[in-house]
Amino acid sequence: MSRSTSSTITASGPLTRWRTIDLLTCAFLGVAFGVAYWAWGLVYSVPSNAVSAVFPPLGALFNWPWLVAGIVGMLIIRRPGAAVFTELLAAVVSALIGTQWGLTTLVSGLVQGLGVELGFAAFGYAVYRWAPLLLGGFLGGAFEAVYEWYSYWTDWGWDYKIAYLFLLGASVAVFGSLVAVGLTRLLAAAGALNPFPPGQEVREQRAV
């Protein structure tokens, strides 16, 4: 493997056929992130309310963790639907445990996963460098922001709404992508992703 690919997470081509291990891994990720989402929901309001008191849309800066599941799922599984499946399942798990948003969490999980999915679909599910990561992260955050416009922020003017959309989209694209890439590489280096493309890439790098 060349030096240029050692700093990126790439796929050799689009993968379309789902294996049993892909489904099981998506399910495992969804459950794990669902618990993490539930836990984040218990504490995020403290920093979010603090910055929102200065400028209400700044609360978006603390919402990006809720989109990491879909990005990680796509980076590991690399098949159409992985982002939606993982993100939606994480939302289902967090809702079942008990969140302040109830079943509306499932709507958020769906729109977030769809946004992330579109970022990778734009590259034919064959590229896993920063371009689809940033695009998918931004779209996931933007889709969620639009949903929240009509669910939670109905009294905001368009200046607040647009600011919230860009802040949420940008924070997911940057922070969400960094965390997802770091977690994926950590799991791959530990040997946990041997049946998946990231694990194969680690073995190829070590063989150079």
N, C-alpha and C. Protein backbone atom coordinates (compact mmCIF):
# COMPACT_ATOMS: atom_id res chain seq x y z
N MET A 1 0.85 -1.19 0.00
CA MET A 1 0.00 0.00 0.00
C MET A 1 0.88 1.24 0.00
N SER A 2 0.53 2.21 -0.81
CA SER A 2 1.36 3.40 -0.91
C SER A 2 1.24 4.26 0.32
N ARG A 3 2.22 5.15 0.47
CA ARG A 3 2.21 6.04 1.63
C ARG A 3 1.00 6.95 1.63
N SER A 4 0.52 7.36 0.46
CA SER A 4 -0.60 8.29 0.40
C SER A 4 -1.88 7.70 0.96
N THR A 5 -2.07 6.37 0.87
CA THR A 5 -3.30 5.77 1.37
C THR A 5 -3.23 5.43 2.84
N SER A 6 -2.04 5.52 3.44
CA SER A 6 -1.91 5.15 4.85
C SER A 6 -2.57 6.16 5.76
N SER A 7 -2.83 7.37 5.25
CA SER A 7 -3.43 8.41 6.07
C SER A 7 -4.93 8.55 5.83
N THR A 8 -5.50 7.67 5.00
CA THR A 8 -6.92 7.73 4.70
C THR A 8 -7.56 6.38 4.91
N ILE A 9 -8.89 6.39 4.96
CA ILE A 9 -9.64 5.14 5.04
C ILE A 9 -10.37 5.00 3.71
N THR A 10 -9.96 4.06 2.88
CA THR A 10 -10.50 3.96 1.54
C THR A 10 -11.08 2.58 1.27
N ALA A 11 -11.86 2.49 0.22
CA ALA A 11 -12.39 1.20 -0.24
C ALA A 11 -11.90 0.98 -1.66
N SER A 12 -11.67 -0.26 -2.03
CA SER A 12 -11.19 -0.57 -3.37
C SER A 12 -12.31 -0.49 -4.40
N GLY A 13 -13.54 -0.50 -3.96
CA GLY A 13 -14.68 -0.42 -4.85
C GLY A 13 -15.96 -0.52 -4.07
N PRO A 14 -17.10 -0.21 -4.70
CA PRO A 14 -18.37 -0.27 -3.97
C PRO A 14 -18.72 -1.69 -3.55
N LEU A 15 -19.19 -1.83 -2.32
CA LEU A 15 -19.64 -3.12 -1.79
C LEU A 15 -21.15 -3.06 -1.65
N THR A 16 -21.85 -4.03 -2.19
CA THR A 16 -23.32 -3.98 -2.16
C THR A 16 -23.94 -5.16 -1.43
N ARG A 17 -23.30 -6.31 -1.48
CA ARG A 17 -23.89 -7.50 -0.86
C ARG A 17 -23.61 -7.53 0.64
N TRP A 18 -24.69 -7.60 1.42
CA TRP A 18 -24.55 -7.64 2.87
C TRP A 18 -24.30 -9.08 3.32
N ARG A 19 -23.38 -9.22 4.27
CA ARG A 19 -23.10 -10.52 4.89
C ARG A 19 -23.74 -10.55 6.28
N THR A 20 -23.86 -11.73 6.82
CA THR A 20 -24.42 -11.85 8.18
C THR A 20 -23.59 -11.07 9.18
N ILE A 21 -22.28 -11.11 9.03
CA ILE A 21 -21.41 -10.40 9.97
C ILE A 21 -21.59 -8.88 9.87
N ASP A 22 -21.95 -8.40 8.69
CA ASP A 22 -22.22 -6.97 8.52
C ASP A 22 -23.46 -6.57 9.32
N LEU A 23 -24.50 -7.37 9.21
CA LEU A 23 -25.74 -7.08 9.94
C LEU A 23 -25.52 -7.14 11.44
N LEU A 24 -24.80 -8.16 11.89
CA LEU A 24 -24.54 -8.31 13.32
C LEU A 24 -23.69 -7.16 13.86
N THR A 25 -22.72 -6.74 13.07
CA THR A 25 -21.85 -5.65 13.51
C THR A 25 -22.61 -4.34 13.57
N CYS A 26 -23.47 -4.09 12.59
CA CYS A 26 -24.32 -2.90 12.63
C CYS A 26 -25.21 -2.91 13.87
N ALA A 27 -25.75 -4.09 14.17
CA ALA A 27 -26.61 -4.21 15.35
C ALA A 27 -25.83 -3.93 16.62
N PHE A 28 -24.62 -4.48 16.71
CA PHE A 28 -23.79 -4.25 17.89
C PHE A 28 -23.45 -2.77 18.03
N LEU A 29 -23.07 -2.13 16.92
CA LEU A 29 -22.74 -0.71 16.96
C LEU A 29 -23.97 0.11 17.36
N GLY A 30 -25.12 -0.25 16.81
CA GLY A 30 -26.34 0.48 17.14
C GLY A 30 -26.67 0.41 18.62
N VAL A 31 -26.53 -0.77 19.21
CA VAL A 31 -26.80 -0.92 20.64
C VAL A 31 -25.79 -0.15 21.47
N ALA A 32 -24.52 -0.27 21.13
CA ALA A 32 -23.47 0.42 21.89
C ALA A 32 -23.65 1.93 21.83
N PHE A 33 -23.89 2.45 20.63
CA PHE A 33 -24.08 3.89 20.49
C PHE A 33 -25.41 4.34 21.09
N GLY A 34 -26.42 3.47 21.06
CA GLY A 34 -27.69 3.82 21.68
C GLY A 34 -27.54 4.08 23.16
N VAL A 35 -26.77 3.25 23.83
CA VAL A 35 -26.50 3.46 25.26
C VAL A 35 -25.71 4.75 25.45
N ALA A 36 -24.72 4.97 24.59
CA ALA A 36 -23.91 6.19 24.69
C ALA A 36 -24.77 7.43 24.44
N TYR A 37 -25.68 7.36 23.47
CA TYR A 37 -26.58 8.48 23.19
C TYR A 37 -27.46 8.79 24.39
N TRP A 38 -27.98 7.74 24.98
CA TRP A 38 -28.82 7.93 26.18
C TRP A 38 -28.03 8.63 27.28
N ALA A 39 -26.78 8.19 27.50
CA ALA A 39 -25.95 8.79 28.54
C ALA A 39 -25.64 10.25 28.22
N TRP A 40 -25.35 10.55 26.95
CA TRP A 40 -25.05 11.93 26.57
C TRP A 40 -26.28 12.82 26.76
N GLY A 41 -27.45 12.25 26.55
CA GLY A 41 -28.68 13.01 26.74
C GLY A 41 -28.90 13.45 28.18
N LEU A 42 -28.25 12.77 29.12
CA LEU A 42 -28.40 13.12 30.54
C LEU A 42 -27.55 14.32 30.93
N VAL A 43 -26.49 14.58 30.18
CA VAL A 43 -25.55 15.61 30.62
C VAL A 43 -25.35 16.76 29.64
N TYR A 44 -25.74 16.57 28.38
CA TYR A 44 -25.40 17.56 27.37
C TYR A 44 -26.05 18.91 27.61
N SER A 45 -27.20 18.93 28.28
CA SER A 45 -27.96 20.17 28.44
C SER A 45 -27.22 21.22 29.26
N VAL A 46 -26.32 20.79 30.13
CA VAL A 46 -25.58 21.77 30.95
C VAL A 46 -24.71 22.67 30.08
N PRO A 47 -23.77 22.12 29.28
CA PRO A 47 -22.98 23.00 28.41
C PRO A 47 -23.81 23.63 27.31
N SER A 48 -24.81 22.90 26.80
CA SER A 48 -25.63 23.43 25.72
C SER A 48 -26.42 24.66 26.17
N ASN A 49 -27.02 24.59 27.34
CA ASN A 49 -27.78 25.72 27.85
C ASN A 49 -26.88 26.91 28.17
N ALA A 50 -25.66 26.62 28.58
CA ALA A 50 -24.73 27.70 28.92
C ALA A 50 -24.39 28.54 27.70
N VAL A 51 -24.07 27.87 26.58
CA VAL A 51 -23.72 28.64 25.38
C VAL A 51 -24.95 29.20 24.69
N SER A 52 -26.09 28.52 24.82
CA SER A 52 -27.33 29.00 24.21
C SER A 52 -27.80 30.30 24.86
N ALA A 53 -27.42 30.52 26.11
CA ALA A 53 -27.80 31.75 26.79
C ALA A 53 -27.11 32.96 26.14
N VAL A 54 -25.96 32.71 25.51
CA VAL A 54 -25.23 33.77 24.83
C VAL A 54 -25.79 33.98 23.42
N PHE A 55 -25.97 32.87 22.70
CA PHE A 55 -26.51 32.90 21.33
C PHE A 55 -27.20 31.57 21.12
N PRO A 56 -28.53 31.53 21.07
CA PRO A 56 -29.29 30.27 21.05
C PRO A 56 -28.80 29.21 20.07
N PRO A 57 -28.44 29.53 18.82
CA PRO A 57 -28.00 28.47 17.91
C PRO A 57 -26.71 27.78 18.31
N LEU A 58 -25.95 28.36 19.24
CA LEU A 58 -24.69 27.73 19.66
C LEU A 58 -24.91 26.38 20.33
N GLY A 59 -26.12 26.10 20.76
CA GLY A 59 -26.42 24.80 21.34
C GLY A 59 -26.15 23.67 20.38
N ALA A 60 -26.13 23.98 19.07
CA ALA A 60 -25.86 22.96 18.05
C ALA A 60 -24.48 22.34 18.23
N LEU A 61 -23.56 23.08 18.83
CA LEU A 61 -22.19 22.59 18.98
C LEU A 61 -22.09 21.38 19.91
N PHE A 62 -23.14 21.10 20.64
CA PHE A 62 -23.12 19.95 21.55
C PHE A 62 -24.06 18.84 21.10
N ASN A 63 -24.53 18.93 19.86
CA ASN A 63 -25.44 17.90 19.33
C ASN A 63 -24.75 16.93 18.38
N TRP A 64 -23.54 17.24 17.97
CA TRP A 64 -22.86 16.38 16.98
C TRP A 64 -22.63 14.94 17.45
N PRO A 65 -22.43 14.65 18.77
CA PRO A 65 -22.19 13.25 19.13
C PRO A 65 -23.29 12.30 18.71
N TRP A 66 -24.52 12.80 18.54
CA TRP A 66 -25.63 11.93 18.18
C TRP A 66 -25.59 11.44 16.73
N LEU A 67 -24.60 11.86 15.97
CA LEU A 67 -24.51 11.40 14.58
C LEU A 67 -23.28 10.53 14.32
N VAL A 68 -22.52 10.24 15.36
CA VAL A 68 -21.28 9.47 15.17
C VAL A 68 -21.58 8.02 14.76
N ALA A 69 -22.66 7.46 15.27
CA ALA A 69 -22.97 6.05 14.98
C ALA A 69 -23.07 5.79 13.49
N GLY A 70 -23.79 6.64 12.77
CA GLY A 70 -23.95 6.44 11.35
C GLY A 70 -22.65 6.53 10.58
N ILE A 71 -21.78 7.45 11.00
CA ILE A 71 -20.50 7.61 10.31
C ILE A 71 -19.62 6.40 10.57
N VAL A 72 -19.57 5.94 11.81
CA VAL A 72 -18.77 4.76 12.14
C VAL A 72 -19.30 3.53 11.40
N GLY A 73 -20.61 3.37 11.39
CA GLY A 73 -21.20 2.24 10.70
C GLY A 73 -20.82 2.22 9.23
N MET A 74 -20.83 3.38 8.59
CA MET A 74 -20.47 3.44 7.19
C MET A 74 -18.98 3.18 6.97
N LEU A 75 -18.13 3.71 7.82
CA LEU A 75 -16.69 3.51 7.68
C LEU A 75 -16.30 2.04 7.82
N ILE A 76 -17.01 1.33 8.68
CA ILE A 76 -16.68 -0.08 8.91
C ILE A 76 -17.34 -1.00 7.89
N ILE A 77 -18.66 -0.87 7.70
CA ILE A 77 -19.41 -1.79 6.85
C ILE A 77 -19.24 -1.47 5.37
N ARG A 78 -19.29 -0.19 5.03
CA ARG A 78 -19.07 0.28 3.65
C ARG A 78 -20.04 -0.31 2.65
N ARG A 79 -21.29 -0.33 3.01
CA ARG A 79 -22.35 -0.80 2.12
C ARG A 79 -23.53 0.15 2.20
N PRO A 80 -24.29 0.28 1.11
CA PRO A 80 -25.46 1.15 1.12
C PRO A 80 -26.41 0.79 2.25
N GLY A 81 -26.83 1.78 2.99
CA GLY A 81 -27.77 1.57 4.10
C GLY A 81 -27.11 1.45 5.45
N ALA A 82 -25.78 1.33 5.51
CA ALA A 82 -25.11 1.12 6.79
C ALA A 82 -25.29 2.30 7.74
N ALA A 83 -25.25 3.51 7.21
CA ALA A 83 -25.40 4.68 8.07
C ALA A 83 -26.81 4.77 8.64
N VAL A 84 -27.80 4.55 7.78
CA VAL A 84 -29.20 4.62 8.24
C VAL A 84 -29.48 3.51 9.26
N PHE A 85 -29.04 2.30 8.95
CA PHE A 85 -29.27 1.16 9.83
C PHE A 85 -28.67 1.41 11.21
N THR A 86 -27.41 1.79 11.25
CA THR A 86 -26.73 1.98 12.53
C THR A 86 -27.30 3.14 13.31
N GLU A 87 -27.53 4.26 12.64
CA GLU A 87 -28.04 5.46 13.32
C GLU A 87 -29.46 5.25 13.84
N LEU A 88 -30.29 4.61 13.02
CA LEU A 88 -31.67 4.39 13.43
C LEU A 88 -31.75 3.41 14.59
N LEU A 89 -30.95 2.36 14.55
CA LEU A 89 -30.96 1.40 15.64
C LEU A 89 -30.46 2.04 16.94
N ALA A 90 -29.46 2.89 16.84
CA ALA A 90 -28.98 3.61 18.03
C ALA A 90 -30.09 4.47 18.61
N ALA A 91 -30.88 5.10 17.74
CA ALA A 91 -31.99 5.93 18.20
C ALA A 91 -33.06 5.07 18.87
N VAL A 92 -33.34 3.90 18.31
CA VAL A 92 -34.33 2.99 18.89
C VAL A 92 -33.89 2.55 20.29
N VAL A 93 -32.61 2.18 20.42
CA VAL A 93 -32.11 1.72 21.72
C VAL A 93 -32.18 2.83 22.75
N SER A 94 -31.75 4.03 22.38
CA SER A 94 -31.79 5.14 23.35
C SER A 94 -33.22 5.48 23.74
N ALA A 95 -34.15 5.37 22.78
CA ALA A 95 -35.55 5.64 23.09
C ALA A 95 -36.13 4.58 24.02
N LEU A 96 -35.75 3.33 23.80
CA LEU A 96 -36.25 2.25 24.66
C LEU A 96 -35.72 2.38 26.09
N ILE A 97 -34.48 2.81 26.22
CA ILE A 97 -33.92 3.02 27.56
C ILE A 97 -34.67 4.15 28.25
N GLY A 98 -34.97 5.18 27.48
CA GLY A 98 -35.72 6.30 28.02
C GLY A 98 -35.02 7.62 27.81
N THR A 99 -35.53 8.44 26.87
CA THR A 99 -34.98 9.77 26.64
C THR A 99 -36.09 10.79 26.79
N GLN A 100 -35.69 12.04 26.97
CA GLN A 100 -36.68 13.11 27.15
C GLN A 100 -37.47 13.39 25.87
N TRP A 101 -36.98 12.90 24.72
CA TRP A 101 -37.64 13.14 23.44
C TRP A 101 -38.55 12.00 23.02
N GLY A 102 -38.54 10.90 23.75
CA GLY A 102 -39.43 9.79 23.44
C GLY A 102 -39.23 9.22 22.06
N LEU A 103 -40.34 8.85 21.41
CA LEU A 103 -40.28 8.19 20.11
C LEU A 103 -39.86 9.13 18.99
N THR A 104 -39.87 10.45 19.22
CA THR A 104 -39.40 11.37 18.19
C THR A 104 -37.90 11.19 17.93
N THR A 105 -37.21 10.51 18.86
CA THR A 105 -35.80 10.20 18.67
C THR A 105 -35.61 9.36 17.41
N LEU A 106 -36.60 8.53 17.08
CA LEU A 106 -36.50 7.68 15.90
C LEU A 106 -36.50 8.52 14.62
N VAL A 107 -37.27 9.61 14.63
CA VAL A 107 -37.29 10.49 13.46
C VAL A 107 -35.91 11.13 13.28
N SER A 108 -35.33 11.58 14.40
CA SER A 108 -34.00 12.16 14.33
C SER A 108 -32.99 11.14 13.81
N GLY A 109 -33.06 9.91 14.32
CA GLY A 109 -32.13 8.88 13.87
C GLY A 109 -32.24 8.63 12.37
N LEU A 110 -33.47 8.65 11.87
CA LEU A 110 -33.68 8.40 10.44
C LEU A 110 -33.12 9.53 9.58
N VAL A 111 -33.46 10.77 9.92
CA VAL A 111 -32.99 11.89 9.08
C VAL A 111 -31.48 12.07 9.19
N GLN A 112 -30.93 11.83 10.37
CA GLN A 112 -29.48 11.93 10.53
C GLN A 112 -28.77 10.87 9.69
N GLY A 113 -29.26 9.64 9.77
CA GLY A 113 -28.66 8.56 9.00
C GLY A 113 -28.76 8.80 7.51
N LEU A 114 -29.89 9.33 7.04
CA LEU A 114 -30.07 9.62 5.62
C LEU A 114 -29.09 10.67 5.14
N GLY A 115 -28.86 11.69 5.96
CA GLY A 115 -27.92 12.73 5.58
C GLY A 115 -26.51 12.19 5.43
N VAL A 116 -26.07 11.41 6.42
CA VAL A 116 -24.74 10.79 6.35
C VAL A 116 -24.65 9.88 5.13
N GLU A 117 -25.70 9.11 4.91
CA GLU A 117 -25.75 8.17 3.80
C GLU A 117 -25.54 8.87 2.45
N LEU A 118 -26.18 10.01 2.28
CA LEU A 118 -26.11 10.72 1.01
C LEU A 118 -24.70 11.21 0.71
N GLY A 119 -23.94 11.54 1.77
CA GLY A 119 -22.57 11.98 1.56
C GLY A 119 -21.72 10.91 0.91
N PHE A 120 -21.91 9.67 1.31
CA PHE A 120 -21.15 8.56 0.74
C PHE A 120 -21.76 8.10 -0.58
N ALA A 121 -23.08 8.20 -0.70
CA ALA A 121 -23.75 7.83 -1.95
C ALA A 121 -23.29 8.73 -3.09
N ALA A 122 -23.00 10.00 -2.78
CA ALA A 122 -22.54 10.94 -3.80
C ALA A 122 -21.23 10.49 -4.43
N PHE A 123 -20.48 9.64 -3.74
CA PHE A 123 -19.22 9.12 -4.26
C PHE A 123 -19.33 7.64 -4.62
N GLY A 124 -20.58 7.20 -4.83
CA GLY A 124 -20.81 5.83 -5.29
C GLY A 124 -20.46 4.76 -4.28
N TYR A 125 -20.41 5.11 -3.00
CA TYR A 125 -20.04 4.16 -1.93
C TYR A 125 -18.68 3.50 -2.20
N ALA A 126 -17.81 4.19 -2.92
CA ALA A 126 -16.50 3.63 -3.26
C ALA A 126 -15.35 4.44 -2.67
N VAL A 127 -15.65 5.59 -2.09
CA VAL A 127 -14.61 6.47 -1.56
C VAL A 127 -14.88 6.72 -0.08
N TYR A 128 -13.85 6.58 0.73
CA TYR A 128 -14.00 6.77 2.18
C TYR A 128 -12.90 7.67 2.71
N ARG A 129 -12.59 8.70 1.92
CA ARG A 129 -11.65 9.72 2.33
C ARG A 129 -12.43 10.85 2.99
N TRP A 130 -11.78 11.99 3.14
CA TRP A 130 -12.40 13.08 3.89
C TRP A 130 -13.54 13.76 3.16
N ALA A 131 -13.53 13.73 1.84
CA ALA A 131 -14.59 14.42 1.10
C ALA A 131 -15.98 13.86 1.43
N PRO A 132 -16.22 12.56 1.29
CA PRO A 132 -17.55 12.04 1.66
C PRO A 132 -17.82 12.11 3.15
N LEU A 133 -16.76 12.01 3.96
CA LEU A 133 -16.94 12.13 5.40
C LEU A 133 -17.47 13.51 5.76
N LEU A 134 -16.83 14.54 5.24
CA LEU A 134 -17.24 15.91 5.55
C LEU A 134 -18.62 16.21 4.97
N LEU A 135 -18.85 15.75 3.73
CA LEU A 135 -20.15 15.98 3.11
C LEU A 135 -21.26 15.25 3.86
N GLY A 136 -21.03 13.99 4.16
CA GLY A 136 -22.04 13.21 4.88
C GLY A 136 -22.31 13.77 6.26
N GLY A 137 -21.24 14.15 6.96
CA GLY A 137 -21.41 14.74 8.28
C GLY A 137 -22.21 16.02 8.23
N PHE A 138 -21.88 16.87 7.26
CA PHE A 138 -22.61 18.14 7.16
C PHE A 138 -24.08 17.91 6.81
N LEU A 139 -24.34 17.01 5.86
CA LEU A 139 -25.72 16.75 5.46
C LEU A 139 -26.52 16.13 6.61
N GLY A 140 -25.89 15.23 7.37
CA GLY A 140 -26.58 14.65 8.51
C GLY A 140 -26.99 15.71 9.52
N GLY A 141 -26.07 16.62 9.81
CA GLY A 141 -26.38 17.70 10.73
C GLY A 141 -27.41 18.65 10.16
N ALA A 142 -27.31 18.94 8.87
CA ALA A 142 -28.25 19.85 8.23
C ALA A 142 -29.66 19.27 8.21
N PHE A 143 -29.77 17.98 7.88
CA PHE A 143 -31.09 17.34 7.87
C PHE A 143 -31.73 17.40 9.26
N GLU A 144 -30.93 17.13 10.29
CA GLU A 144 -31.44 17.18 11.65
C GLU A 144 -31.86 18.60 12.02
N ALA A 145 -31.09 19.59 11.58
CA ALA A 145 -31.42 20.98 11.88
C ALA A 145 -32.76 21.37 11.28
N VAL A 146 -32.99 20.97 10.03
CA VAL A 146 -34.26 21.29 9.38
C VAL A 146 -35.42 20.62 10.11
N TYR A 147 -35.23 19.37 10.52
CA TYR A 147 -36.27 18.69 11.29
C TYR A 147 -36.56 19.45 12.59
N GLU A 148 -35.52 19.92 13.25
CA GLU A 148 -35.70 20.63 14.52
C GLU A 148 -36.32 22.01 14.33
N TRP A 149 -36.12 22.62 13.15
CA TRP A 149 -36.78 23.90 12.88
C TRP A 149 -38.28 23.80 13.13
N TYR A 150 -38.86 22.70 12.67
CA TYR A 150 -40.31 22.55 12.71
C TYR A 150 -40.79 21.73 13.91
N SER A 151 -39.85 21.28 14.73
CA SER A 151 -40.22 20.49 15.89
C SER A 151 -39.94 21.21 17.21
N TYR A 152 -38.81 21.93 17.27
CA TYR A 152 -38.40 22.54 18.53
C TYR A 152 -38.19 24.06 18.43
N TRP A 153 -37.72 24.52 17.28
CA TRP A 153 -37.34 25.94 17.18
C TRP A 153 -38.32 26.72 16.31
N THR A 154 -39.60 26.47 16.52
CA THR A 154 -40.64 27.08 15.68
C THR A 154 -40.74 28.59 15.88
N ASP A 155 -40.26 29.10 17.02
CA ASP A 155 -40.35 30.54 17.29
C ASP A 155 -39.11 31.31 16.84
N TRP A 156 -38.13 30.62 16.29
CA TRP A 156 -36.91 31.29 15.83
C TRP A 156 -37.13 31.98 14.49
N GLY A 157 -36.39 33.06 14.28
CA GLY A 157 -36.35 33.70 12.97
C GLY A 157 -35.38 32.95 12.07
N TRP A 158 -35.36 33.31 10.79
CA TRP A 158 -34.50 32.60 9.84
C TRP A 158 -33.02 32.81 10.12
N ASP A 159 -32.66 33.92 10.76
CA ASP A 159 -31.25 34.13 11.08
C ASP A 159 -30.76 33.07 12.06
N TYR A 160 -31.55 32.78 13.08
CA TYR A 160 -31.20 31.74 14.04
C TYR A 160 -31.22 30.36 13.39
N LYS A 161 -32.24 30.13 12.57
CA LYS A 161 -32.38 28.81 11.95
C LYS A 161 -31.20 28.48 11.04
N ILE A 162 -30.83 29.43 10.21
CA ILE A 162 -29.71 29.19 9.29
C ILE A 162 -28.41 29.03 10.05
N ALA A 163 -28.22 29.85 11.08
CA ALA A 163 -27.00 29.74 11.89
C ALA A 163 -26.94 28.37 12.56
N TYR A 164 -28.07 27.90 13.06
CA TYR A 164 -28.13 26.60 13.71
C TYR A 164 -27.79 25.49 12.73
N LEU A 165 -28.32 25.58 11.51
CA LEU A 165 -28.05 24.56 10.50
C LEU A 165 -26.56 24.47 10.20
N PHE A 166 -25.92 25.61 9.96
CA PHE A 166 -24.50 25.58 9.61
C PHE A 166 -23.63 25.17 10.79
N LEU A 167 -24.00 25.58 12.00
CA LEU A 167 -23.23 25.18 13.17
C LEU A 167 -23.34 23.68 13.43
N LEU A 168 -24.54 23.14 13.29
CA LEU A 168 -24.72 21.71 13.51
C LEU A 168 -24.05 20.90 12.40
N GLY A 169 -24.24 21.31 11.16
CA GLY A 169 -23.62 20.61 10.05
C GLY A 169 -22.10 20.62 10.13
N ALA A 170 -21.54 21.78 10.43
CA ALA A 170 -20.08 21.91 10.51
C ALA A 170 -19.51 21.12 11.67
N SER A 171 -20.18 21.14 12.82
CA SER A 171 -19.66 20.43 13.99
C SER A 171 -19.69 18.92 13.78
N VAL A 172 -20.74 18.43 13.11
CA VAL A 172 -20.78 16.99 12.80
C VAL A 172 -19.69 16.64 11.80
N ALA A 173 -19.54 17.47 10.75
CA ALA A 173 -18.55 17.21 9.72
C ALA A 173 -17.14 17.15 10.30
N VAL A 174 -16.83 18.07 11.21
CA VAL A 174 -15.47 18.14 11.76
C VAL A 174 -15.30 17.19 12.95
N PHE A 175 -16.04 17.45 14.02
CA PHE A 175 -15.85 16.67 15.25
C PHE A 175 -16.36 15.23 15.10
N GLY A 176 -17.54 15.09 14.50
CA GLY A 176 -18.09 13.76 14.32
C GLY A 176 -17.21 12.89 13.45
N SER A 177 -16.69 13.47 12.37
CA SER A 177 -15.81 12.71 11.47
C SER A 177 -14.51 12.34 12.15
N LEU A 178 -13.93 13.27 12.90
CA LEU A 178 -12.66 12.99 13.59
C LEU A 178 -12.83 11.86 14.60
N VAL A 179 -13.90 11.91 15.37
CA VAL A 179 -14.15 10.87 16.37
C VAL A 179 -14.41 9.53 15.68
N ALA A 180 -15.20 9.54 14.61
CA ALA A 180 -15.52 8.31 13.90
C ALA A 180 -14.27 7.68 13.28
N VAL A 181 -13.45 8.49 12.65
CA VAL A 181 -12.22 7.97 12.04
C VAL A 181 -11.28 7.43 13.12
N GLY A 182 -11.14 8.19 14.21
CA GLY A 182 -10.27 7.73 15.30
C GLY A 182 -10.73 6.42 15.90
N LEU A 183 -12.03 6.30 16.13
CA LEU A 183 -12.57 5.07 16.70
C LEU A 183 -12.41 3.89 15.74
N THR A 184 -12.67 4.13 14.46
CA THR A 184 -12.53 3.07 13.46
C THR A 184 -11.09 2.58 13.38
N ARG A 185 -10.15 3.50 13.36
CA ARG A 185 -8.74 3.12 13.28
C ARG A 185 -8.27 2.41 14.55
N LEU A 186 -8.79 2.84 15.68
CA LEU A 186 -8.43 2.19 16.94
C LEU A 186 -8.91 0.75 16.95
N LEU A 187 -10.15 0.54 16.54
CA LEU A 187 -10.71 -0.82 16.49
C LEU A 187 -9.96 -1.68 15.48
N ALA A 188 -9.62 -1.09 14.34
CA ALA A 188 -8.90 -1.84 13.31
C ALA A 188 -7.50 -2.23 13.79
N ALA A 189 -6.82 -1.30 14.45
CA ALA A 189 -5.48 -1.58 14.94
C ALA A 189 -5.49 -2.66 16.02
N ALA A 190 -6.60 -2.73 16.78
CA ALA A 190 -6.71 -3.74 17.84
C ALA A 190 -7.11 -5.11 17.29
N GLY A 191 -7.39 -5.19 16.00
CA GLY A 191 -7.75 -6.46 15.39
C GLY A 191 -9.23 -6.78 15.43
N ALA A 192 -10.05 -5.81 15.88
CA ALA A 192 -11.48 -6.06 16.01
C ALA A 192 -12.22 -5.99 14.68
N LEU A 193 -11.57 -5.44 13.66
CA LEU A 193 -12.24 -5.27 12.36
C LEU A 193 -11.60 -6.09 11.25
N ASN A 194 -11.01 -7.20 11.60
CA ASN A 194 -10.32 -8.03 10.60
C ASN A 194 -11.22 -8.46 9.44
N PRO A 195 -12.52 -8.73 9.67
CA PRO A 195 -13.37 -9.15 8.54
C PRO A 195 -13.83 -8.00 7.64
N PHE A 196 -13.39 -6.78 7.95
CA PHE A 196 -13.88 -5.60 7.24
C PHE A 196 -12.74 -4.86 6.54
N PRO A 197 -13.08 -3.98 5.59
CA PRO A 197 -12.04 -3.24 4.87
C PRO A 197 -11.04 -2.50 5.75
N PRO A 198 -11.45 -1.83 6.84
CA PRO A 198 -10.44 -1.16 7.68
C PRO A 198 -9.42 -2.12 8.26
N GLY A 199 -9.87 -3.32 8.64
CA GLY A 199 -8.94 -4.31 9.16
C GLY A 199 -7.97 -4.78 8.10
N GLN A 200 -8.46 -4.97 6.88
CA GLN A 200 -7.60 -5.38 5.76
C GLN A 200 -6.56 -4.31 5.48
N GLU A 201 -6.97 -3.07 5.54
CA GLU A 201 -6.04 -1.96 5.27
C GLU A 201 -4.93 -1.91 6.32
N VAL A 202 -5.27 -2.18 7.58
CA VAL A 202 -4.25 -2.19 8.62
C VAL A 202 -3.24 -3.30 8.35
N ARG A 203 -3.73 -4.48 7.95
CA ARG A 203 -2.81 -5.59 7.66
C ARG A 203 -1.90 -5.26 6.48
N GLU A 204 -2.45 -4.58 5.47
CA GLU A 204 -1.64 -4.20 4.32
C GLU A 204 -0.59 -3.16 4.69
N GLN A 205 -0.95 -2.24 5.56
CA GLN A 205 0.01 -1.22 6.00
C GLN A 205 1.16 -1.87 6.77
N ARG A 206 0.83 -2.82 7.61
CA ARG A 206 1.86 -3.48 8.42
C ARG A 206 2.77 -4.36 7.57
N ALA A 207 2.24 -4.77 6.39
CA ALA A 207 3.03 -5.64 5.53
C ALA A 207 4.03 -4.87 4.68
N VAL A 208 3.85 -3.55 4.61
CA VAL A 208 4.74 -2.73 3.78
C VAL A 208 6.12 -2.63 4.42
